[in-house]
Amino acid sequence: MFLESQRTKLEARGLAVTTGDGQLLAAAGEAIQAHEPQGATGRKTTNIATWSLRLGRVEVILASHGGRLSHDLGSGVRRILAGDAAAG
């Protein structure tokens, strides 16, 4: 729900949270496919904004299809993931 509310606020087509090695943690809206294999015939997404966060030893990447990110988004993701780590 948090990502969807931020996606609406930022007027982004999609938001994604991944690890630095590409594992999808969460997403809202349209899928973000910024990188496709060479020779792929699918549609390639443009107008992507990315932001890297470090949470302990884990690198987290925020991506927005729409080219906008916000401090609120970064802070919220950091808070949620820090809570998950403390609970686990």
PDB file of N, CA and C in Angstrom:
ATOM      1  N   MET A   1       0.819  -1.187   0.000  1.00  0.00           N
ATOM      2  CA  MET A   1       0.000   0.000   0.000  1.00  0.00           C
ATOM      3  C   MET A   1       0.870   1.260   0.000  1.00  0.00           C
ATOM      4  N   PHE A   2       1.996   1.210   0.707  1.00  0.00           N
ATOM      5  CA  PHE A   2       2.874   2.373   0.752  1.00  0.00           C
ATOM      6  C   PHE A   2       3.393   2.715  -0.641  1.00  0.00           C
ATOM      7  N   LEU A   3       3.898   1.708  -1.376  1.00  0.00           N
ATOM      8  CA  LEU A   3       4.428   1.981  -2.716  1.00  0.00           C
ATOM      9  C   LEU A   3       3.347   2.510  -3.644  1.00  0.00           C
ATOM     10  N   GLU A   4       2.147   1.956  -3.553  1.00  0.00           N
ATOM     11  CA  GLU A   4       1.057   2.420  -4.418  1.00  0.00           C
ATOM     12  C   GLU A   4       0.696   3.864  -4.096  1.00  0.00           C
ATOM     13  N   SER A   5       0.660   4.232  -2.825  1.00  0.00           N
ATOM     14  CA  SER A   5       0.348   5.617  -2.477  1.00  0.00           C
ATOM     15  C   SER A   5       1.450   6.563  -2.965  1.00  0.00           C
ATOM     16  N   GLN A   6       2.707   6.143  -2.884  1.00  0.00           N
ATOM     17  CA  GLN A   6       3.813   6.965  -3.370  1.00  0.00           C
ATOM     18  C   GLN A   6       3.795   7.061  -4.896  1.00  0.00           C
ATOM     19  N   ARG A   7       3.435   5.957  -5.564  1.00  0.00           N
ATOM     20  CA  ARG A   7       3.349   5.968  -7.025  1.00  0.00           C
ATOM     21  C   ARG A   7       2.311   6.991  -7.477  1.00  0.00           C
ATOM     22  N   THR A   8       1.167   7.008  -6.805  1.00  0.00           N
ATOM     23  CA  THR A   8       0.116   7.968  -7.131  1.00  0.00           C
ATOM     24  C   THR A   8       0.586   9.395  -6.871  1.00  0.00           C
ATOM     25  N   LYS A   9       1.206   9.621  -5.720  1.00  0.00           N
ATOM     26  CA  LYS A   9       1.687  10.956  -5.349  1.00  0.00           C
ATOM     27  C   LYS A   9       2.727  11.475  -6.350  1.00  0.00           C
ATOM     28  N   LEU A  10       3.615  10.592  -6.806  1.00  0.00           N
ATOM     29  CA  LEU A  10       4.673  10.975  -7.743  1.00  0.00           C
ATOM     30  C   LEU A  10       4.220  10.967  -9.201  1.00  0.00           C
ATOM     31  N   GLU A  11       2.993  10.499  -9.441  1.00  0.00           N
ATOM     32  CA  GLU A  11       2.450  10.366 -10.792  1.00  0.00           C
ATOM     33  C   GLU A  11       3.352   9.497 -11.666  1.00  0.00           C
ATOM     34  N   ALA A  12       3.885   8.438 -11.059  1.00  0.00           N
ATOM     35  CA  ALA A  12       4.756   7.500 -11.779  1.00  0.00           C
ATOM     36  C   ALA A  12       3.920   6.356 -12.332  1.00  0.00           C
ATOM     37  N   ARG A  13       4.353   5.799 -13.436  1.00  0.00           N
ATOM     38  CA  ARG A  13       3.651   4.643 -14.010  1.00  0.00           C
ATOM     39  C   ARG A  13       3.947   3.383 -13.208  1.00  0.00           C
ATOM     40  N   GLY A  14       5.137   3.322 -12.605  1.00  0.00           N
ATOM     41  CA  GLY A  14       5.502   2.168 -11.794  1.00  0.00           C
ATOM     42  C   GLY A  14       6.644   2.502 -10.855  1.00  0.00           C
ATOM     43  N   LEU A  15       6.693   1.821  -9.715  1.00  0.00           N
ATOM     44  CA  LEU A  15       7.795   1.910  -8.769  1.00  0.00           C
ATOM     45  C   LEU A  15       8.266   0.500  -8.465  1.00  0.00           C
ATOM     46  N   ALA A  16       9.555   0.345  -8.260  1.00  0.00           N
ATOM     47  CA  ALA A  16      10.097  -0.963  -7.892  1.00  0.00           C
ATOM     48  C   ALA A  16      11.199  -0.781  -6.857  1.00  0.00           C
ATOM     49  N   VAL A  17      11.296  -1.764  -5.961  1.00  0.00           N
ATOM     50  CA  VAL A  17      12.365  -1.817  -4.970  1.00  0.00           C
ATOM     51  C   VAL A  17      13.077  -3.144  -5.190  1.00  0.00           C
ATOM     52  N   THR A  18      14.374  -3.087  -5.472  1.00  0.00           N
ATOM     53  CA  THR A  18      15.154  -4.300  -5.716  1.00  0.00           C
ATOM     54  C   THR A  18      16.419  -4.281  -4.869  1.00  0.00           C
ATOM     55  N   THR A  19      17.036  -5.445  -4.752  1.00  0.00           N
ATOM     56  CA  THR A  19      18.364  -5.493  -4.154  1.00  0.00           C
ATOM     57  C   THR A  19      19.367  -5.071  -5.223  1.00  0.00           C
ATOM     58  N   GLY A  20      20.587  -4.813  -4.803  1.00  0.00           N
ATOM     59  CA  GLY A  20      21.623  -4.408  -5.744  1.00  0.00           C
ATOM     60  C   GLY A  20      21.901  -5.448  -6.810  1.00  0.00           C
ATOM     61  N   ASP A  21      21.626  -6.740  -6.507  1.00  0.00           N
ATOM     62  CA  ASP A  21      21.861  -7.795  -7.493  1.00  0.00           C
ATOM     63  C   ASP A  21      20.607  -8.114  -8.319  1.00  0.00           C
ATOM     64  N   GLY A  22      19.557  -7.271  -8.173  1.00  0.00           N
ATOM     65  CA  GLY A  22      18.392  -7.403  -9.050  1.00  0.00           C
ATOM     66  C   GLY A  22      17.210  -8.176  -8.517  1.00  0.00           C
ATOM     67  N   GLN A  23      17.246  -8.644  -7.278  1.00  0.00           N
ATOM     68  CA  GLN A  23      16.106  -9.381  -6.720  1.00  0.00           C
ATOM     69  C   GLN A  23      14.985  -8.394  -6.391  1.00  0.00           C
ATOM     70  N   LEU A  24      13.798  -8.606  -6.948  1.00  0.00           N
ATOM     71  CA  LEU A  24      12.657  -7.734  -6.718  1.00  0.00           C
ATOM     72  C   LEU A  24      12.137  -7.934  -5.298  1.00  0.00           C
ATOM     73  N   LEU A  25      12.031  -6.844  -4.544  1.00  0.00           N
ATOM     74  CA  LEU A  25      11.498  -6.893  -3.187  1.00  0.00           C
ATOM     75  C   LEU A  25      10.041  -6.454  -3.150  1.00  0.00           C
ATOM     76  N   ALA A  26       9.700  -5.428  -3.935  1.00  0.00           N
ATOM     77  CA  ALA A  26       8.328  -4.915  -3.972  1.00  0.00           C
ATOM     78  C   ALA A  26       8.153  -4.066  -5.218  1.00  0.00           C
ATOM     79  N   ALA A  27       6.893  -3.934  -5.652  1.00  0.00           N
ATOM     80  CA  ALA A  27       6.603  -3.112  -6.826  1.00  0.00           C
ATOM     81  C   ALA A  27       5.162  -2.638  -6.769  1.00  0.00           C
ATOM     82  N   ALA A  28       4.897  -1.548  -7.487  1.00  0.00           N
ATOM     83  CA  ALA A  28       3.543  -1.021  -7.638  1.00  0.00           C
ATOM     84  C   ALA A  28       3.419  -0.454  -9.042  1.00  0.00           C
ATOM     85  N   GLY A  29       2.259  -0.633  -9.652  1.00  0.00           N
ATOM     86  CA  GLY A  29       2.027  -0.097 -10.988  1.00  0.00           C
ATOM     87  C   GLY A  29       2.632  -0.979 -12.065  1.00  0.00           C
ATOM     88  N   GLU A  30       2.937  -0.355 -13.201  1.00  0.00           N
ATOM     89  CA  GLU A  30       3.477  -1.083 -14.349  1.00  0.00           C
ATOM     90  C   GLU A  30       4.875  -1.618 -14.059  1.00  0.00           C
ATOM     91  N   ALA A  31       5.186  -2.751 -14.656  1.00  0.00           N
ATOM     92  CA  ALA A  31       6.517  -3.344 -14.512  1.00  0.00           C
ATOM     93  C   ALA A  31       7.563  -2.441 -15.145  1.00  0.00           C
ATOM     94  N   ILE A  32       8.708  -2.356 -14.494  1.00  0.00           N
ATOM     95  CA  ILE A  32       9.825  -1.561 -15.002  1.00  0.00           C
ATOM     96  C   ILE A  32      10.840  -2.519 -15.602  1.00  0.00           C
ATOM     97  N   GLN A  33      11.038  -2.423 -16.912  1.00  0.00           N
ATOM     98  CA  GLN A  33      11.986  -3.293 -17.604  1.00  0.00           C
ATOM     99  C   GLN A  33      13.002  -2.424 -18.318  1.00  0.00           C
ATOM    100  N   ALA A  34      13.909  -1.861 -17.538  1.00  0.00           N
ATOM    101  CA  ALA A  34      14.888  -0.938 -18.109  1.00  0.00           C
ATOM    102  C   ALA A  34      15.961  -1.657 -18.905  1.00  0.00           C
ATOM    103  N   HIS A  35      16.233  -2.911 -18.569  1.00  0.00           N
ATOM    104  CA  HIS A  35      17.299  -3.653 -19.236  1.00  0.00           C
ATOM    105  C   HIS A  35      16.719  -4.920 -19.851  1.00  0.00           C
ATOM    106  N   GLU A  36      16.910  -5.069 -21.133  1.00  0.00           N
ATOM    107  CA  GLU A  36      16.451  -6.266 -21.825  1.00  0.00           C
ATOM    108  C   GLU A  36      17.639  -6.908 -22.511  1.00  0.00           C
ATOM    109  N   PRO A  37      17.583  -8.220 -22.696  1.00  0.00           N
ATOM    110  CA  PRO A  37      18.674  -8.897 -23.396  1.00  0.00           C
ATOM    111  C   PRO A  37      18.841  -8.340 -24.812  1.00  0.00           C
ATOM    112  N   GLN A  38      20.078  -8.361 -25.286  1.00  0.00           N
ATOM    113  CA  GLN A  38      20.355  -7.882 -26.636  1.00  0.00           C
ATOM    114  C   GLN A  38      19.534  -8.687 -27.639  1.00  0.00           C
ATOM    115  N   GLY A  39      18.890  -7.997 -28.545  1.00  0.00           N
ATOM    116  CA  GLY A  39      18.082  -8.657 -29.560  1.00  0.00           C
ATOM    117  C   GLY A  39      16.643  -8.908 -29.127  1.00  0.00           C
ATOM    118  N   ALA A  40      16.266  -8.483 -27.912  1.00  0.00           N
ATOM    119  CA  ALA A  40      14.891  -8.688 -27.447  1.00  0.00           C
ATOM    120  C   ALA A  40      13.943  -7.844 -28.286  1.00  0.00           C
ATOM    121  N   THR A  41      12.755  -8.356 -28.523  1.00  0.00           N
ATOM    122  CA  THR A  41      11.790  -7.643 -29.349  1.00  0.00           C
ATOM    123  C   THR A  41      10.754  -6.920 -28.511  1.00  0.00           C
ATOM    124  N   GLY A  42      10.778  -7.061 -27.197  1.00  0.00           N
ATOM    125  CA  GLY A  42       9.808  -6.409 -26.327  1.00  0.00           C
ATOM    126  C   GLY A  42      10.032  -4.916 -26.234  1.00  0.00           C
ATOM    127  N   ARG A  43       9.093  -4.254 -25.606  1.00  0.00           N
ATOM    128  CA  ARG A  43       9.156  -2.807 -25.419  1.00  0.00           C
ATOM    129  C   ARG A  43      10.163  -2.484 -24.319  1.00  0.00           C
ATOM    130  N   LYS A  44      11.015  -1.506 -24.545  1.00  0.00           N
ATOM    131  CA  LYS A  44      11.996  -1.096 -23.551  1.00  0.00           C
ATOM    132  C   LYS A  44      11.497   0.159 -22.846  1.00  0.00           C
ATOM    133  N   THR A  45      11.544   0.145 -21.520  1.00  0.00           N
ATOM    134  CA  THR A  45      11.068   1.261 -20.727  1.00  0.00           C
ATOM    135  C   THR A  45      12.093   2.390 -20.727  1.00  0.00           C
ATOM    136  N   THR A  46      11.624   3.615 -20.886  1.00  0.00           N
ATOM    137  CA  THR A  46      12.491   4.791 -20.802  1.00  0.00           C
ATOM    138  C   THR A  46      11.961   5.697 -19.698  1.00  0.00           C
ATOM    139  N   ASN A  47      12.679   6.787 -19.429  1.00  0.00           N
ATOM    140  CA  ASN A  47      12.293   7.756 -18.402  1.00  0.00           C
ATOM    141  C   ASN A  47      12.268   7.099 -17.018  1.00  0.00           C
ATOM    142  N   ILE A  48      13.396   6.504 -16.649  1.00  0.00           N
ATOM    143  CA  ILE A  48      13.547   5.821 -15.371  1.00  0.00           C
ATOM    144  C   ILE A  48      14.442   6.640 -14.451  1.00  0.00           C
ATOM    145  N   ALA A  49      14.002   6.828 -13.220  1.00  0.00           N
ATOM    146  CA  ALA A  49      14.846   7.439 -12.186  1.00  0.00           C
ATOM    147  C   ALA A  49      15.223   6.336 -11.206  1.00  0.00           C
ATOM    148  N   THR A  50      16.464   6.325 -10.757  1.00  0.00           N
ATOM    149  CA  THR A  50      16.897   5.329  -9.774  1.00  0.00           C
ATOM    150  C   THR A  50      17.594   6.014  -8.611  1.00  0.00           C
ATOM    151  N   TRP A  51      17.545   5.337  -7.471  1.00  0.00           N
ATOM    152  CA  TRP A  51      18.157   5.857  -6.262  1.00  0.00           C
ATOM    153  C   TRP A  51      18.656   4.661  -5.480  1.00  0.00           C
ATOM    154  N   SER A  52      19.893   4.722  -5.054  1.00  0.00           N
ATOM    155  CA  SER A  52      20.502   3.619  -4.314  1.00  0.00           C
ATOM    156  C   SER A  52      20.564   3.960  -2.827  1.00  0.00           C
ATOM    157  N   LEU A  53      20.142   3.019  -1.990  1.00  0.00           N
ATOM    158  CA  LEU A  53      20.203   3.156  -0.535  1.00  0.00           C
ATOM    159  C   LEU A  53      21.030   2.010   0.013  1.00  0.00           C
ATOM    160  N   ARG A  54      21.733   2.249   1.087  1.00  0.00           N
ATOM    161  CA  ARG A  54      22.454   1.168   1.756  1.00  0.00           C
ATOM    162  C   ARG A  54      21.822   0.981   3.127  1.00  0.00           C
ATOM    163  N   LEU A  55      21.375  -0.246   3.384  1.00  0.00           N
ATOM    164  CA  LEU A  55      20.785  -0.612   4.674  1.00  0.00           C
ATOM    165  C   LEU A  55      21.668  -1.687   5.281  1.00  0.00           C
ATOM    166  N   GLY A  56      22.573  -1.288   6.134  1.00  0.00           N
ATOM    167  CA  GLY A  56      23.554  -2.236   6.663  1.00  0.00           C
ATOM    168  C   GLY A  56      24.459  -2.689   5.540  1.00  0.00           C
ATOM    169  N   ARG A  57      24.475  -3.986   5.300  1.00  0.00           N
ATOM    170  CA  ARG A  57      25.309  -4.536   4.214  1.00  0.00           C
ATOM    171  C   ARG A  57      24.531  -4.734   2.917  1.00  0.00           C
ATOM    172  N   VAL A  58      23.272  -4.336   2.896  1.00  0.00           N
ATOM    173  CA  VAL A  58      22.416  -4.570   1.730  1.00  0.00           C
ATOM    174  C   VAL A  58      22.222  -3.283   0.940  1.00  0.00           C
ATOM    175  N   GLU A  59      22.492  -3.354  -0.373  1.00  0.00           N
ATOM    176  CA  GLU A  59      22.205  -2.240  -1.267  1.00  0.00           C
ATOM    177  C   GLU A  59      20.790  -2.426  -1.802  1.00  0.00           C
ATOM    178  N   VAL A  60      19.987  -1.366  -1.737  1.00  0.00           N
ATOM    179  CA  VAL A  60      18.607  -1.387  -2.219  1.00  0.00           C
ATOM    180  C   VAL A  60      18.482  -0.311  -3.289  1.00  0.00           C
ATOM    181  N   ILE A  61      17.852  -0.664  -4.393  1.00  0.00           N
ATOM    182  CA  ILE A  61      17.650   0.264  -5.509  1.00  0.00           C
ATOM    183  C   ILE A  61      16.159   0.590  -5.614  1.00  0.00           C
ATOM    184  N   LEU A  62      15.833   1.877  -5.632  1.00  0.00           N
ATOM    185  CA  LEU A  62      14.475   2.334  -5.901  1.00  0.00           C
ATOM    186  C   LEU A  62      14.439   2.772  -7.357  1.00  0.00           C
ATOM    187  N   ALA A  63      13.419   2.382  -8.070  1.00  0.00           N
ATOM    188  CA  ALA A  63      13.288   2.773  -9.474  1.00  0.00           C
ATOM    189  C   ALA A  63      11.880   3.294  -9.724  1.00  0.00           C
ATOM    190  N   SER A  64      11.801   4.368 -10.502  1.00  0.00           N
ATOM    191  CA  SER A  64      10.520   4.975 -10.838  1.00  0.00           C
ATOM    192  C   SER A  64      10.387   5.093 -12.346  1.00  0.00           C
ATOM    193  N   HIS A  65       9.322   4.493 -12.884  1.00  0.00           N
ATOM    194  CA  HIS A  65       8.993   4.664 -14.297  1.00  0.00           C
ATOM    195  C   HIS A  65       8.120   5.915 -14.360  1.00  0.00           C
ATOM    196  N   GLY A  66       8.722   7.005 -14.704  1.00  0.00           N
ATOM    197  CA  GLY A  66       8.088   8.308 -14.714  1.00  0.00           C
ATOM    198  C   GLY A  66       9.109   9.369 -14.351  1.00  0.00           C
ATOM    199  N   GLY A  67      10.286   8.900 -13.936  1.00  0.00           N
ATOM    200  CA  GLY A  67      11.399   9.795 -13.729  1.00  0.00           C
ATOM    201  C   GLY A  67      11.398  10.604 -12.454  1.00  0.00           C
ATOM    202  N   ARG A  68      10.551  10.249 -11.476  1.00  0.00           N
ATOM    203  CA  ARG A  68      10.509  11.014 -10.229  1.00  0.00           C
ATOM    204  C   ARG A  68      10.653  10.095  -9.032  1.00  0.00           C
ATOM    205  N   LEU A  69      11.434  10.545  -8.047  1.00  0.00           N
ATOM    206  CA  LEU A  69      11.560   9.889  -6.748  1.00  0.00           C
ATOM    207  C   LEU A  69      11.449  10.974  -5.689  1.00  0.00           C
ATOM    208  N   SER A  70      11.245  10.584  -4.439  1.00  0.00           N
ATOM    209  CA  SER A  70      11.132  11.587  -3.381  1.00  0.00           C
ATOM    210  C   SER A  70      11.824  11.103  -2.115  1.00  0.00           C
ATOM    211  N   HIS A  71      12.136  12.062  -1.249  1.00  0.00           N
ATOM    212  CA  HIS A  71      12.721  11.746   0.048  1.00  0.00           C
ATOM    213  C   HIS A  71      11.746  10.879   0.854  1.00  0.00           C
ATOM    214  N   ASP A  72      10.443  11.171   0.773  1.00  0.00           N
ATOM    215  CA  ASP A  72       9.432  10.389   1.496  1.00  0.00           C
ATOM    216  C   ASP A  72       9.475   8.921   1.086  1.00  0.00           C
ATOM    217  N   LEU A  73       9.638   8.664  -0.197  1.00  0.00           N
ATOM    218  CA  LEU A  73       9.716   7.288  -0.685  1.00  0.00           C
ATOM    219  C   LEU A  73      10.941   6.587  -0.100  1.00  0.00           C
ATOM    220  N   GLY A  74      12.103   7.233  -0.190  1.00  0.00           N
ATOM    221  CA  GLY A  74      13.328   6.638   0.341  1.00  0.00           C
ATOM    222  C   GLY A  74      13.250   6.393   1.838  1.00  0.00           C
ATOM    223  N   SER A  75      12.742   7.374   2.577  1.00  0.00           N
ATOM    224  CA  SER A  75      12.618   7.232   4.029  1.00  0.00           C
ATOM    225  C   SER A  75      11.653   6.120   4.406  1.00  0.00           C
ATOM    226  N   GLY A  76      10.544   6.034   3.693  1.00  0.00           N
ATOM    227  CA  GLY A  76       9.549   4.995   3.981  1.00  0.00           C
ATOM    228  C   GLY A  76      10.082   3.599   3.703  1.00  0.00           C
ATOM    229  N   VAL A  77      10.765   3.424   2.575  1.00  0.00           N
ATOM    230  CA  VAL A  77      11.343   2.118   2.240  1.00  0.00           C
ATOM    231  C   VAL A  77      12.396   1.745   3.278  1.00  0.00           C
ATOM    232  N   ARG A  78      13.228   2.700   3.646  1.00  0.00           N
ATOM    233  CA  ARG A  78      14.258   2.449   4.671  1.00  0.00           C
ATOM    234  C   ARG A  78      13.604   2.011   5.989  1.00  0.00           C
ATOM    235  N   ARG A  79      12.569   2.713   6.408  1.00  0.00           N
ATOM    236  CA  ARG A  79      11.869   2.398   7.651  1.00  0.00           C
ATOM    237  C   ARG A  79      11.221   1.006   7.608  1.00  0.00           C
ATOM    238  N   ILE A  80      10.568   0.683   6.497  1.00  0.00           N
ATOM    239  CA  ILE A  80       9.911  -0.626   6.352  1.00  0.00           C
ATOM    240  C   ILE A  80      10.942  -1.758   6.372  1.00  0.00           C
ATOM    241  N   LEU A  81      12.011  -1.599   5.594  1.00  0.00           N
ATOM    242  CA  LEU A  81      13.011  -2.651   5.534  1.00  0.00           C
ATOM    243  C   LEU A  81      13.774  -2.796   6.849  1.00  0.00           C
ATOM    244  N   ALA A  82      14.009  -1.697   7.546  1.00  0.00           N
ATOM    245  CA  ALA A  82      14.678  -1.773   8.851  1.00  0.00           C
ATOM    246  C   ALA A  82      13.771  -2.490   9.850  1.00  0.00           C
ATOM    247  N   GLY A  83      12.469  -2.260   9.779  1.00  0.00           N
ATOM    248  CA  GLY A  83      11.518  -2.964  10.642  1.00  0.00           C
ATOM    249  C   GLY A  83      11.480  -4.451  10.341  1.00  0.00           C
ATOM    250  N   ASP A  84      11.524  -4.817   9.052  1.00  0.00           N
ATOM    251  CA  ASP A  84      11.548  -6.241   8.653  1.00  0.00           C
ATOM    252  C   ASP A  84      12.808  -6.918   9.161  1.00  0.00           C
ATOM    253  N   ALA A  85      13.943  -6.236   9.085  1.00  0.00           N
ATOM    254  CA  ALA A  85      15.206  -6.816   9.541  1.00  0.00           C
ATOM    255  C   ALA A  85      15.198  -7.032  11.059  1.00  0.00           C
ATOM    256  N   ALA A  86      14.602  -6.074  11.792  1.00  0.00           N
ATOM    257  CA  ALA A  86      14.534  -6.189  13.248  1.00  0.00           C
ATOM    258  C   ALA A  86      13.596  -7.313  13.666  1.00  0.00           C
ATOM    259  N   ALA A  87      12.518  -7.525  12.888  1.00  0.00           N
ATOM    260  CA  ALA A  87      11.551  -8.578  13.197  1.00  0.00           C
ATOM    261  C   ALA A  87      12.074  -9.965  12.855  1.00  0.00           C
ATOM    262  N   GLY A  88      12.997 -10.021  11.867  1.00  0.00           N
ATOM    263  CA  GLY A  88      13.467 -11.310  11.373  1.00  0.00           C
ATOM    264  C   GLY A  88      14.652 -11.749  12.107  1.00  0.00           C
TER     265      GLY A  88
END
